[in-house]
Amino acid sequence: MRREFVGNVLVDHGGIALVDPLYVDTTDEDVEGFCEARVGSPLTCHEDEVVGAYVATGLGDNEYPIYADVVEVPGAGERVARITIDCLGVEPESDDLRGRLVGAVSALAEHVSTCV
């Protein structure tokens, strides 16, 4: 298995919706449902058809790295076996995210100590 960095997801709502691109053209009602979803909630649209899932992210709003684990499938070539979105900087490749999160937590701790 080979791990590849495939991009980042910018989060401005504290969560990520994992949805088949076929369903990107959603109604306002669908989007409202996505925003009210809870961790592990199935996402539905178009007459309650399950099309994805909602996952809360690490410390909320941030830019999170996405990795794909690629394997060779006999007769089919390379395929993605797993997708990882690192929301807390726990993956070895996520040094940048860890640095940003440590800085954010330190700033929050300092702010809280001055409020008490």
PDB file of N, CA and C in Angstrom:
ATOM      1  N   MET A   1       0.852  -1.170   0.000  1.00  0.00           N
ATOM      2  CA  MET A   1       0.000   0.000   0.000  1.00  0.00           C
ATOM      3  C   MET A   1       0.899   1.234   0.000  1.00  0.00           C
ATOM      4  N   ARG A   2       0.476   2.254  -0.730  1.00  0.00           N
ATOM      5  CA  ARG A   2       1.218   3.504  -0.851  1.00  0.00           C
ATOM      6  C   ARG A   2       0.289   4.651  -0.436  1.00  0.00           C
ATOM      7  N   ARG A   3       0.781   5.558   0.378  1.00  0.00           N
ATOM      8  CA  ARG A   3      -0.017   6.706   0.810  1.00  0.00           C
ATOM      9  C   ARG A   3       0.347   7.912  -0.040  1.00  0.00           C
ATOM     10  N   GLU A   4      -0.700   8.626  -0.496  1.00  0.00           N
ATOM     11  CA  GLU A   4      -0.504   9.846  -1.289  1.00  0.00           C
ATOM     12  C   GLU A   4      -1.289  10.985  -0.658  1.00  0.00           C
ATOM     13  N   PHE A   5      -0.675  12.168  -0.591  1.00  0.00           N
ATOM     14  CA  PHE A   5      -1.396  13.379  -0.221  1.00  0.00           C
ATOM     15  C   PHE A   5      -2.227  13.764  -1.439  1.00  0.00           C
ATOM     16  N   VAL A   6      -3.533  13.954  -1.267  1.00  0.00           N
ATOM     17  CA  VAL A   6      -4.377  14.268  -2.429  1.00  0.00           C
ATOM     18  C   VAL A   6      -4.985  15.665  -2.368  1.00  0.00           C
ATOM     19  N   GLY A   7      -4.792  16.363  -1.254  1.00  0.00           N
ATOM     20  CA  GLY A   7      -5.317  17.718  -1.167  1.00  0.00           C
ATOM     21  C   GLY A   7      -5.730  18.068   0.247  1.00  0.00           C
ATOM     22  N   ASN A   8      -6.350  19.231   0.383  1.00  0.00           N
ATOM     23  CA  ASN A   8      -6.852  19.701   1.669  1.00  0.00           C
ATOM     24  C   ASN A   8      -8.338  19.980   1.553  1.00  0.00           C
ATOM     25  N   VAL A   9      -9.027  19.895   2.675  1.00  0.00           N
ATOM     26  CA  VAL A   9     -10.416  20.316   2.709  1.00  0.00           C
ATOM     27  C   VAL A   9     -10.485  21.500   3.673  1.00  0.00           C
ATOM     28  N   LEU A  10     -11.048  22.601   3.199  1.00  0.00           N
ATOM     29  CA  LEU A  10     -11.204  23.809   4.010  1.00  0.00           C
ATOM     30  C   LEU A  10     -12.564  23.730   4.697  1.00  0.00           C
ATOM     31  N   VAL A  11     -12.564  23.769   6.015  1.00  0.00           N
ATOM     32  CA  VAL A  11     -13.798  23.616   6.787  1.00  0.00           C
ATOM     33  C   VAL A  11     -14.148  24.941   7.438  1.00  0.00           C
ATOM     34  N   ASP A  12     -15.363  25.407   7.201  1.00  0.00           N
ATOM     35  CA  ASP A  12     -15.843  26.651   7.784  1.00  0.00           C
ATOM     36  C   ASP A  12     -17.191  26.432   8.482  1.00  0.00           C
ATOM     37  N   HIS A  13     -17.477  25.175   8.831  1.00  0.00           N
ATOM     38  CA  HIS A  13     -18.732  24.853   9.509  1.00  0.00           C
ATOM     39  C   HIS A  13     -18.506  23.842  10.633  1.00  0.00           C
ATOM     40  N   GLY A  14     -17.266  23.410  10.809  1.00  0.00           N
ATOM     41  CA  GLY A  14     -16.960  22.459  11.864  1.00  0.00           C
ATOM     42  C   GLY A  14     -17.224  21.021  11.488  1.00  0.00           C
ATOM     43  N   GLY A  15     -17.468  20.745  10.202  1.00  0.00           N
ATOM     44  CA  GLY A  15     -17.720  19.373   9.789  1.00  0.00           C
ATOM     45  C   GLY A  15     -17.535  19.190   8.298  1.00  0.00           C
ATOM     46  N   ILE A  16     -17.488  17.922   7.911  1.00  0.00           N
ATOM     47  CA  ILE A  16     -17.304  17.563   6.506  1.00  0.00           C
ATOM     48  C   ILE A  16     -18.443  16.636   6.088  1.00  0.00           C
ATOM     49  N   ALA A  17     -19.021  16.909   4.943  1.00  0.00           N
ATOM     50  CA  ALA A  17     -20.027  16.026   4.364  1.00  0.00           C
ATOM     51  C   ALA A  17     -19.350  15.185   3.285  1.00  0.00           C
ATOM     52  N   LEU A  18     -19.432  13.880   3.417  1.00  0.00           N
ATOM     53  CA  LEU A  18     -18.878  12.961   2.421  1.00  0.00           C
ATOM     54  C   LEU A  18     -20.030  12.524   1.533  1.00  0.00           C
ATOM     55  N   VAL A  19     -19.994  12.979   0.269  1.00  0.00           N
ATOM     56  CA  VAL A  19     -21.125  12.769  -0.631  1.00  0.00           C
ATOM     57  C   VAL A  19     -20.624  12.408  -2.021  1.00  0.00           C
ATOM     58  N   ASP A  20     -21.303  11.495  -2.670  1.00  0.00           N
ATOM     59  CA  ASP A  20     -21.015  11.171  -4.060  1.00  0.00           C
ATOM     60  C   ASP A  20     -21.226  12.430  -4.900  1.00  0.00           C
ATOM     61  N   PRO A  21     -20.298  12.777  -5.794  1.00  0.00           N
ATOM     62  CA  PRO A  21     -20.430  13.996  -6.596  1.00  0.00           C
ATOM     63  C   PRO A  21     -21.730  14.061  -7.404  1.00  0.00           C
ATOM     64  N   LEU A  22     -22.344  12.936  -7.658  1.00  0.00           N
ATOM     65  CA  LEU A  22     -23.620  12.936  -8.375  1.00  0.00           C
ATOM     66  C   LEU A  22     -24.658  13.774  -7.637  1.00  0.00           C
ATOM     67  N   TYR A  23     -24.512  13.885  -6.304  1.00  0.00           N
ATOM     68  CA  TYR A  23     -25.503  14.580  -5.487  1.00  0.00           C
ATOM     69  C   TYR A  23     -25.089  15.982  -5.090  1.00  0.00           C
ATOM     70  N   VAL A  24     -24.065  16.538  -5.726  1.00  0.00           N
ATOM     71  CA  VAL A  24     -23.616  17.876  -5.388  1.00  0.00           C
ATOM     72  C   VAL A  24     -24.679  18.915  -5.692  1.00  0.00           C
ATOM     73  N   ASP A  25     -25.478  18.715  -6.708  1.00  0.00           N
ATOM     74  CA  ASP A  25     -26.550  19.635  -7.060  1.00  0.00           C
ATOM     75  C   ASP A  25     -27.740  19.359  -6.142  1.00  0.00           C
ATOM     76  N   THR A  26     -27.650  19.851  -4.903  1.00  0.00           N
ATOM     77  CA  THR A  26     -28.678  19.583  -3.901  1.00  0.00           C
ATOM     78  C   THR A  26     -29.628  20.767  -3.787  1.00  0.00           C
ATOM     79  N   THR A  27     -30.752  20.521  -3.156  1.00  0.00           N
ATOM     80  CA  THR A  27     -31.723  21.594  -2.924  1.00  0.00           C
ATOM     81  C   THR A  27     -31.347  22.338  -1.651  1.00  0.00           C
ATOM     82  N   ASP A  28     -31.966  23.509  -1.417  1.00  0.00           N
ATOM     83  CA  ASP A  28     -31.725  24.258  -0.187  1.00  0.00           C
ATOM     84  C   ASP A  28     -32.109  23.420   1.028  1.00  0.00           C
ATOM     85  N   GLU A  29     -33.149  22.623   0.900  1.00  0.00           N
ATOM     86  CA  GLU A  29     -33.586  21.748   1.991  1.00  0.00           C
ATOM     87  C   GLU A  29     -32.521  20.692   2.301  1.00  0.00           C
ATOM     88  N   ASP A  30     -31.898  20.153   1.262  1.00  0.00           N
ATOM     89  CA  ASP A  30     -30.831  19.170   1.465  1.00  0.00           C
ATOM     90  C   ASP A  30     -29.669  19.791   2.224  1.00  0.00           C
ATOM     91  N   VAL A  31     -29.241  20.996   1.802  1.00  0.00           N
ATOM     92  CA  VAL A  31     -28.112  21.669   2.443  1.00  0.00           C
ATOM     93  C   VAL A  31     -28.438  21.955   3.904  1.00  0.00           C
ATOM     94  N   GLU A  32     -29.668  22.376   4.188  1.00  0.00           N
ATOM     95  CA  GLU A  32     -30.084  22.620   5.567  1.00  0.00           C
ATOM     96  C   GLU A  32     -29.962  21.342   6.395  1.00  0.00           C
ATOM     97  N   GLY A  33     -30.348  20.228   5.819  1.00  0.00           N
ATOM     98  CA  GLY A  33     -30.227  18.938   6.499  1.00  0.00           C
ATOM     99  C   GLY A  33     -28.784  18.577   6.760  1.00  0.00           C
ATOM    100  N   PHE A  34     -27.897  18.871   5.809  1.00  0.00           N
ATOM    101  CA  PHE A  34     -26.475  18.594   5.996  1.00  0.00           C
ATOM    102  C   PHE A  34     -25.948  19.393   7.187  1.00  0.00           C
ATOM    103  N   CYS A  35     -26.321  20.659   7.276  1.00  0.00           N
ATOM    104  CA  CYS A  35     -25.813  21.530   8.338  1.00  0.00           C
ATOM    105  C   CYS A  35     -26.341  21.136   9.707  1.00  0.00           C
ATOM    106  N   GLU A  36     -27.470  20.446   9.778  1.00  0.00           N
ATOM    107  CA  GLU A  36     -28.030  20.010  11.057  1.00  0.00           C
ATOM    108  C   GLU A  36     -27.597  18.602  11.426  1.00  0.00           C
ATOM    109  N   ALA A  37     -26.810  17.952  10.586  1.00  0.00           N
ATOM    110  CA  ALA A  37     -26.391  16.567  10.825  1.00  0.00           C
ATOM    111  C   ALA A  37     -25.464  16.487  12.026  1.00  0.00           C
ATOM    112  N   ARG A  38     -25.404  15.318  12.606  1.00  0.00           N
ATOM    113  CA  ARG A  38     -24.514  15.042  13.733  1.00  0.00           C
ATOM    114  C   ARG A  38     -23.483  14.008  13.309  1.00  0.00           C
ATOM    115  N   VAL A  39     -22.444  13.837  14.098  1.00  0.00           N
ATOM    116  CA  VAL A  39     -21.378  12.893  13.773  1.00  0.00           C
ATOM    117  C   VAL A  39     -21.963  11.530  13.447  1.00  0.00           C
ATOM    118  N   GLY A  40     -21.556  11.002  12.306  1.00  0.00           N
ATOM    119  CA  GLY A  40     -22.011   9.680  11.888  1.00  0.00           C
ATOM    120  C   GLY A  40     -23.398   9.656  11.300  1.00  0.00           C
ATOM    121  N   SER A  41     -24.039  10.822  11.162  1.00  0.00           N
ATOM    122  CA  SER A  41     -25.386  10.851  10.598  1.00  0.00           C
ATOM    123  C   SER A  41     -25.353  10.520   9.118  1.00  0.00           C
ATOM    124  N   PRO A  42     -26.288   9.690   8.668  1.00  0.00           N
ATOM    125  CA  PRO A  42     -26.387   9.503   7.223  1.00  0.00           C
ATOM    126  C   PRO A  42     -26.950  10.775   6.600  1.00  0.00           C
ATOM    127  N   LEU A  43     -26.487  11.128   5.436  1.00  0.00           N
ATOM    128  CA  LEU A  43     -27.030  12.282   4.725  1.00  0.00           C
ATOM    129  C   LEU A  43     -28.011  11.778   3.687  1.00  0.00           C
ATOM    130  N   THR A  44     -29.174  12.375   3.676  1.00  0.00           N
ATOM    131  CA  THR A  44     -30.193  11.935   2.736  1.00  0.00           C
ATOM    132  C   THR A  44     -30.637  13.112   1.874  1.00  0.00           C
ATOM    133  N   CYS A  45     -31.105  12.808   0.712  1.00  0.00           N
ATOM    134  CA  CYS A  45     -31.753  13.790  -0.143  1.00  0.00           C
ATOM    135  C   CYS A  45     -32.500  13.007  -1.215  1.00  0.00           C
ATOM    136  N   HIS A  46     -33.298  13.690  -1.962  1.00  0.00           N
ATOM    137  CA  HIS A  46     -34.065  13.048  -3.034  1.00  0.00           C
ATOM    138  C   HIS A  46     -34.862  11.863  -2.486  1.00  0.00           C
ATOM    139  N   GLU A  47     -35.869  12.209  -1.683  1.00  0.00           N
ATOM    140  CA  GLU A  47     -36.784  11.202  -1.131  1.00  0.00           C
ATOM    141  C   GLU A  47     -36.094  10.234  -0.184  1.00  0.00           C
ATOM    142  N   ASP A  48     -35.294  10.761   0.721  1.00  0.00           N
ATOM    143  CA  ASP A  48     -34.660   9.986   1.791  1.00  0.00           C
ATOM    144  C   ASP A  48     -33.654   8.944   1.330  1.00  0.00           C
ATOM    145  N   GLU A  49     -33.109   9.081   0.147  1.00  0.00           N
ATOM    146  CA  GLU A  49     -32.062   8.169  -0.312  1.00  0.00           C
ATOM    147  C   GLU A  49     -30.756   8.552   0.384  1.00  0.00           C
ATOM    148  N   VAL A  50     -30.104   7.599   1.059  1.00  0.00           N
ATOM    149  CA  VAL A  50     -28.846   7.885   1.744  1.00  0.00           C
ATOM    150  C   VAL A  50     -27.761   8.115   0.700  1.00  0.00           C
ATOM    151  N   VAL A  51     -27.099   9.274   0.780  1.00  0.00           N
ATOM    152  CA  VAL A  51     -26.089   9.623  -0.221  1.00  0.00           C
ATOM    153  C   VAL A  51     -24.721   9.912   0.379  1.00  0.00           C
ATOM    154  N   GLY A  52     -24.592   9.898   1.697  1.00  0.00           N
ATOM    155  CA  GLY A  52     -23.308  10.204   2.302  1.00  0.00           C
ATOM    156  C   GLY A  52     -23.395  10.215   3.801  1.00  0.00           C
ATOM    157  N   ALA A  53     -22.388  10.831   4.437  1.00  0.00           N
ATOM    158  CA  ALA A  53     -22.339  10.922   5.893  1.00  0.00           C
ATOM    159  C   ALA A  53     -21.709  12.241   6.296  1.00  0.00           C
ATOM    160  N   TYR A  54     -22.044  12.676   7.498  1.00  0.00           N
ATOM    161  CA  TYR A  54     -21.492  13.908   8.055  1.00  0.00           C
ATOM    162  C   TYR A  54     -20.529  13.538   9.178  1.00  0.00           C
ATOM    163  N   VAL A  55     -19.378  14.221   9.221  1.00  0.00           N
ATOM    164  CA  VAL A  55     -18.386  13.965  10.263  1.00  0.00           C
ATOM    165  C   VAL A  55     -17.921  15.313  10.811  1.00  0.00           C
ATOM    166  N   ALA A  56     -17.979  15.475  12.140  1.00  0.00           N
ATOM    167  CA  ALA A  56     -17.433  16.684  12.773  1.00  0.00           C
ATOM    168  C   ALA A  56     -15.906  16.625  12.669  1.00  0.00           C
ATOM    169  N   THR A  57     -15.264  17.786  12.649  1.00  0.00           N
ATOM    170  CA  THR A  57     -13.819  17.818  12.440  1.00  0.00           C
ATOM    171  C   THR A  57     -13.076  18.299  13.666  1.00  0.00           C
ATOM    172  N   GLY A  58     -11.985  17.625  13.972  1.00  0.00           N
ATOM    173  CA  GLY A  58     -11.008  18.001  14.993  1.00  0.00           C
ATOM    174  C   GLY A  58     -11.421  19.096  15.936  1.00  0.00           C
ATOM    175  N   LEU A  59     -10.871  20.267  15.725  1.00  0.00           N
ATOM    176  CA  LEU A  59     -11.184  21.420  16.553  1.00  0.00           C
ATOM    177  C   LEU A  59     -12.069  22.397  15.788  1.00  0.00           C
ATOM    178  N   GLY A  60     -12.823  21.887  14.816  1.00  0.00           N
ATOM    179  CA  GLY A  60     -13.758  22.739  14.082  1.00  0.00           C
ATOM    180  C   GLY A  60     -13.177  23.268  12.787  1.00  0.00           C
ATOM    181  N   ASP A  61     -13.301  24.575  12.586  1.00  0.00           N
ATOM    182  CA  ASP A  61     -12.876  25.208  11.343  1.00  0.00           C
ATOM    183  C   ASP A  61     -11.359  25.144  11.199  1.00  0.00           C
ATOM    184  N   ASN A  62     -10.909  24.724  10.027  1.00  0.00           N
ATOM    185  CA  ASN A  62      -9.480  24.642   9.755  1.00  0.00           C
ATOM    186  C   ASN A  62      -9.308  24.118   8.339  1.00  0.00           C
ATOM    187  N   GLU A  63      -8.076  23.903   7.944  1.00  0.00           N
ATOM    188  CA  GLU A  63      -7.765  23.269   6.658  1.00  0.00           C
ATOM    189  C   GLU A  63      -7.121  21.930   6.977  1.00  0.00           C
ATOM    190  N   TYR A  64      -7.778  20.834   6.566  1.00  0.00           N
ATOM    191  CA  TYR A  64      -7.343  19.497   6.935  1.00  0.00           C
ATOM    192  C   TYR A  64      -6.795  18.734   5.734  1.00  0.00           C
ATOM    193  N   PRO A  65      -5.645  18.053   5.911  1.00  0.00           N
ATOM    194  CA  PRO A  65      -5.058  17.284   4.811  1.00  0.00           C
ATOM    195  C   PRO A  65      -5.830  15.983   4.556  1.00  0.00           C
ATOM    196  N   ILE A  66      -5.863  15.593   3.285  1.00  0.00           N
ATOM    197  CA  ILE A  66      -6.526  14.348   2.871  1.00  0.00           C
ATOM    198  C   ILE A  66      -5.485  13.444   2.223  1.00  0.00           C
ATOM    199  N   TYR A  67      -5.463  12.185   2.658  1.00  0.00           N
ATOM    200  CA  TYR A  67      -4.538  11.191   2.133  1.00  0.00           C
ATOM    201  C   TYR A  67      -5.317  10.027   1.545  1.00  0.00           C
ATOM    202  N   ALA A  68      -4.787   9.443   0.489  1.00  0.00           N
ATOM    203  CA  ALA A  68      -5.367   8.238  -0.106  1.00  0.00           C
ATOM    204  C   ALA A  68      -4.346   7.113   0.008  1.00  0.00           C
ATOM    205  N   ASP A  69      -4.800   5.969   0.480  1.00  0.00           N
ATOM    206  CA  ASP A  69      -3.970   4.771   0.500  1.00  0.00           C
ATOM    207  C   ASP A  69      -4.301   3.985  -0.757  1.00  0.00           C
ATOM    208  N   VAL A  70      -3.297   3.819  -1.610  1.00  0.00           N
ATOM    209  CA  VAL A  70      -3.477   3.213  -2.931  1.00  0.00           C
ATOM    210  C   VAL A  70      -2.892   1.806  -2.934  1.00  0.00           C
ATOM    211  N   VAL A  71      -3.649   0.869  -3.517  1.00  0.00           N
ATOM    212  CA  VAL A  71      -3.187  -0.518  -3.625  1.00  0.00           C
ATOM    213  C   VAL A  71      -3.296  -0.973  -5.075  1.00  0.00           C
ATOM    214  N   GLU A  72      -2.522  -1.982  -5.409  1.00  0.00           N
ATOM    215  CA  GLU A  72      -2.589  -2.601  -6.731  1.00  0.00           C
ATOM    216  C   GLU A  72      -3.641  -3.714  -6.667  1.00  0.00           C
ATOM    217  N   VAL A  73      -4.658  -3.619  -7.509  1.00  0.00           N
ATOM    218  CA  VAL A  73      -5.701  -4.644  -7.579  1.00  0.00           C
ATOM    219  C   VAL A  73      -5.443  -5.465  -8.839  1.00  0.00           C
ATOM    220  N   PRO A  74      -5.171  -6.766  -8.685  1.00  0.00           N
ATOM    221  CA  PRO A  74      -4.887  -7.606  -9.855  1.00  0.00           C
ATOM    222  C   PRO A  74      -5.995  -7.489 -10.913  1.00  0.00           C
ATOM    223  N   GLY A  75      -5.574  -7.184 -12.110  1.00  0.00           N
ATOM    224  CA  GLY A  75      -6.511  -7.058 -13.223  1.00  0.00           C
ATOM    225  C   GLY A  75      -7.214  -5.718 -13.320  1.00  0.00           C
ATOM    226  N   ALA A  76      -7.046  -4.844 -12.315  1.00  0.00           N
ATOM    227  CA  ALA A  76      -7.729  -3.552 -12.328  1.00  0.00           C
ATOM    228  C   ALA A  76      -6.777  -2.375 -12.160  1.00  0.00           C
ATOM    229  N   GLY A  77      -5.504  -2.650 -11.838  1.00  0.00           N
ATOM    230  CA  GLY A  77      -4.541  -1.571 -11.653  1.00  0.00           C
ATOM    231  C   GLY A  77      -4.615  -0.958 -10.265  1.00  0.00           C
ATOM    232  N   GLU A  78      -4.085   0.238 -10.131  1.00  0.00           N
ATOM    233  CA  GLU A  78      -4.069   0.912  -8.839  1.00  0.00           C
ATOM    234  C   GLU A  78      -5.445   1.463  -8.504  1.00  0.00           C
ATOM    235  N   ARG A  79      -5.846   1.265  -7.250  1.00  0.00           N
ATOM    236  CA  ARG A  79      -7.147   1.743  -6.770  1.00  0.00           C
ATOM    237  C   ARG A  79      -6.982   2.308  -5.366  1.00  0.00           C
ATOM    238  N   VAL A  80      -7.840   3.262  -5.014  1.00  0.00           N
ATOM    239  CA  VAL A  80      -7.840   3.823  -3.667  1.00  0.00           C
ATOM    240  C   VAL A  80      -8.533   2.838  -2.735  1.00  0.00           C
ATOM    241  N   ALA A  81      -7.803   2.416  -1.694  1.00  0.00           N
ATOM    242  CA  ALA A  81      -8.348   1.486  -0.713  1.00  0.00           C
ATOM    243  C   ALA A  81      -8.975   2.229   0.460  1.00  0.00           C
ATOM    244  N   ARG A  82      -8.429   3.397   0.763  1.00  0.00           N
ATOM    245  CA  ARG A  82      -8.897   4.116   1.949  1.00  0.00           C
ATOM    246  C   ARG A  82      -8.571   5.590   1.779  1.00  0.00           C
ATOM    247  N   ILE A  83      -9.451   6.436   2.307  1.00  0.00           N
ATOM    248  CA  ILE A  83      -9.231   7.883   2.328  1.00  0.00           C
ATOM    249  C   ILE A  83      -9.161   8.299   3.792  1.00  0.00           C
ATOM    250  N   THR A  84      -8.147   9.087   4.130  1.00  0.00           N
ATOM    251  CA  THR A  84      -7.994   9.575   5.496  1.00  0.00           C
ATOM    252  C   THR A  84      -8.002  11.091   5.480  1.00  0.00           C
ATOM    253  N   ILE A  85      -8.862  11.686   6.292  1.00  0.00           N
ATOM    254  CA  ILE A  85      -8.861  13.133   6.504  1.00  0.00           C
ATOM    255  C   ILE A  85      -8.338  13.328   7.916  1.00  0.00           C
ATOM    256  N   ASP A  86      -7.178  13.954   8.043  1.00  0.00           N
ATOM    257  CA  ASP A  86      -6.515  14.086   9.335  1.00  0.00           C
ATOM    258  C   ASP A  86      -6.995  15.362  10.025  1.00  0.00           C
ATOM    259  N   CYS A  87      -7.907  15.211  10.975  1.00  0.00           N
ATOM    260  CA  CYS A  87      -8.530  16.362  11.637  1.00  0.00           C
ATOM    261  C   CYS A  87      -7.817  16.812  12.904  1.00  0.00           C
ATOM    262  N   LEU A  88      -6.834  16.063  13.379  1.00  0.00           N
ATOM    263  CA  LEU A  88      -6.109  16.465  14.584  1.00  0.00           C
ATOM    264  C   LEU A  88      -4.596  16.381  14.431  1.00  0.00           C
ATOM    265  N   GLY A  89      -4.128  16.194  13.211  1.00  0.00           N
ATOM    266  CA  GLY A  89      -2.690  16.152  12.987  1.00  0.00           C
ATOM    267  C   GLY A  89      -2.017  14.911  13.532  1.00  0.00           C
ATOM    268  N   VAL A  90      -2.722  13.793  13.539  1.00  0.00           N
ATOM    269  CA  VAL A  90      -2.156  12.557  14.093  1.00  0.00           C
ATOM    270  C   VAL A  90      -1.384  11.728  13.067  1.00  0.00           C
ATOM    271  N   GLU A  91      -1.582  11.980  11.799  1.00  0.00           N
ATOM    272  CA  GLU A  91      -0.864  11.236  10.767  1.00  0.00           C
ATOM    273  C   GLU A  91       0.582  11.730  10.702  1.00  0.00           C
ATOM    274  N   PRO A  92       1.540  10.822  10.485  1.00  0.00           N
ATOM    275  CA  PRO A  92       2.956  11.223  10.446  1.00  0.00           C
ATOM    276  C   PRO A  92       3.232  12.346   9.445  1.00  0.00           C
ATOM    277  N   GLU A  93       2.474  12.385   8.354  1.00  0.00           N
ATOM    278  CA  GLU A  93       2.707  13.378   7.293  1.00  0.00           C
ATOM    279  C   GLU A  93       2.140  14.755   7.626  1.00  0.00           C
ATOM    280  N   SER A  94       1.436  14.914   8.739  1.00  0.00           N
ATOM    281  CA  SER A  94       0.667  16.133   9.019  1.00  0.00           C
ATOM    282  C   SER A  94       1.365  17.128   9.940  1.00  0.00           C
ATOM    283  N   ASP A  95       2.679  17.308   9.784  1.00  0.00           N
ATOM    284  CA  ASP A  95       3.428  18.240  10.631  1.00  0.00           C
ATOM    285  C   ASP A  95       2.841  19.647  10.617  1.00  0.00           C
ATOM    286  N   ASP A  96       2.460  20.140   9.435  1.00  0.00           N
ATOM    287  CA  ASP A  96       1.940  21.499   9.309  1.00  0.00           C
ATOM    288  C   ASP A  96       0.657  21.672  10.121  1.00  0.00           C
ATOM    289  N   LEU A  97      -0.260  20.710  10.011  1.00  0.00           N
ATOM    290  CA  LEU A  97      -1.519  20.796  10.752  1.00  0.00           C
ATOM    291  C   LEU A  97      -1.251  20.748  12.255  1.00  0.00           C
ATOM    292  N   ARG A  98      -0.368  19.859  12.694  1.00  0.00           N
ATOM    293  CA  ARG A  98      -0.034  19.782  14.122  1.00  0.00           C
ATOM    294  C   ARG A  98       0.451  21.128  14.635  1.00  0.00           C
ATOM    295  N   GLY A  99       1.312  21.778  13.865  1.00  0.00           N
ATOM    296  CA  GLY A  99       1.826  23.089  14.268  1.00  0.00           C
ATOM    297  C   GLY A  99       0.721  24.120  14.401  1.00  0.00           C
ATOM    298  N   ARG A 100      -0.189  24.147  13.445  1.00  0.00           N
ATOM    299  CA  ARG A 100      -1.306  25.108  13.508  1.00  0.00           C
ATOM    300  C   ARG A 100      -2.210  24.824  14.697  1.00  0.00           C
ATOM    301  N   LEU A 101      -2.495  23.546  14.959  1.00  0.00           N
ATOM    302  CA  LEU A 101      -3.387  23.199  16.062  1.00  0.00           C
ATOM    303  C   LEU A 101      -2.755  23.509  17.411  1.00  0.00           C
ATOM    304  N   VAL A 102      -1.459  23.232  17.566  1.00  0.00           N
ATOM    305  CA  VAL A 102      -0.776  23.539  18.824  1.00  0.00           C
ATOM    306  C   VAL A 102      -0.830  25.043  19.072  1.00  0.00           C
ATOM    307  N   GLY A 103      -0.589  25.821  18.026  1.00  0.00           N
ATOM    308  CA  GLY A 103      -0.663  27.271  18.163  1.00  0.00           C
ATOM    309  C   GLY A 103      -2.057  27.745  18.543  1.00  0.00           C
ATOM    310  N   ALA A 104      -3.080  27.174  17.932  1.00  0.00           N
ATOM    311  CA  ALA A 104      -4.464  27.562  18.219  1.00  0.00           C
ATOM    312  C   ALA A 104      -4.851  27.197  19.647  1.00  0.00           C
ATOM    313  N   VAL A 105      -4.466  26.009  20.097  1.00  0.00           N
ATOM    314  CA  VAL A 105      -4.798  25.577  21.455  1.00  0.00           C
ATOM    315  C   VAL A 105      -4.058  26.443  22.472  1.00  0.00           C
ATOM    316  N   SER A 106      -2.802  26.763  22.212  1.00  0.00           N
ATOM    317  CA  SER A 106      -2.027  27.621  23.118  1.00  0.00           C
ATOM    318  C   SER A 106      -2.659  29.009  23.231  1.00  0.00           C
ATOM    319  N   ALA A 107      -3.072  29.565  22.100  1.00  0.00           N
ATOM    320  CA  ALA A 107      -3.704  30.884  22.101  1.00  0.00           C
ATOM    321  C   ALA A 107      -5.027  30.848  22.870  1.00  0.00           C
ATOM    322  N   LEU A 108      -5.791  29.778  22.693  1.00  0.00           N
ATOM    323  CA  LEU A 108      -7.062  29.639  23.408  1.00  0.00           C
ATOM    324  C   LEU A 108      -6.817  29.527  24.912  1.00  0.00           C
ATOM    325  N   ALA A 109      -5.829  28.717  25.304  1.00  0.00           N
ATOM    326  CA  ALA A 109      -5.516  28.558  26.723  1.00  0.00           C
ATOM    327  C   ALA A 109      -5.099  29.895  27.349  1.00  0.00           C
ATOM    328  N   GLU A 110      -4.300  30.667  26.620  1.00  0.00           N
ATOM    329  CA  GLU A 110      -3.869  31.975  27.120  1.00  0.00           C
ATOM    330  C   GLU A 110      -5.060  32.910  27.265  1.00  0.00           C
ATOM    331  N   HIS A 111      -5.952  32.902  26.277  1.00  0.00           N
ATOM    332  CA  HIS A 111      -7.137  33.758  26.328  1.00  0.00           C
ATOM    333  C   HIS A 111      -8.030  33.387  27.512  1.00  0.00           C
ATOM    334  N   VAL A 112      -8.243  32.101  27.721  1.00  0.00           N
ATOM    335  CA  VAL A 112      -9.093  31.638  28.812  1.00  0.00           C
ATOM    336  C   VAL A 112      -8.491  32.026  30.161  1.00  0.00           C
ATOM    337  N   SER A 113      -7.155  31.912  30.306  1.00  0.00           N
ATOM    338  CA  SER A 113      -6.523  32.248  31.578  1.00  0.00           C
ATOM    339  C   SER A 113      -6.660  33.730  31.926  1.00  0.00           C
ATOM    340  N   THR A 114      -6.756  34.575  30.926  1.00  0.00           N
ATOM    341  CA  THR A 114      -6.913  36.007  31.182  1.00  0.00           C
ATOM    342  C   THR A 114      -8.375  36.372  31.499  1.00  0.00           C
ATOM    343  N   CYS A 115      -9.302  35.479  31.182  1.00  0.00           N
ATOM    344  CA  CYS A 115     -10.734  35.735  31.414  1.00  0.00           C
ATOM    345  C   CYS A 115     -11.174  35.296  32.816  1.00  0.00           C
ATOM    346  N   VAL A 116     -10.374  34.481  33.489  1.00  0.00           N
ATOM    347  CA  VAL A 116     -10.803  33.928  34.773  1.00  0.00           C
ATOM    348  C   VAL A 116     -10.351  34.764  35.932  1.00  0.00           C
TER     349      VAL A 116
END
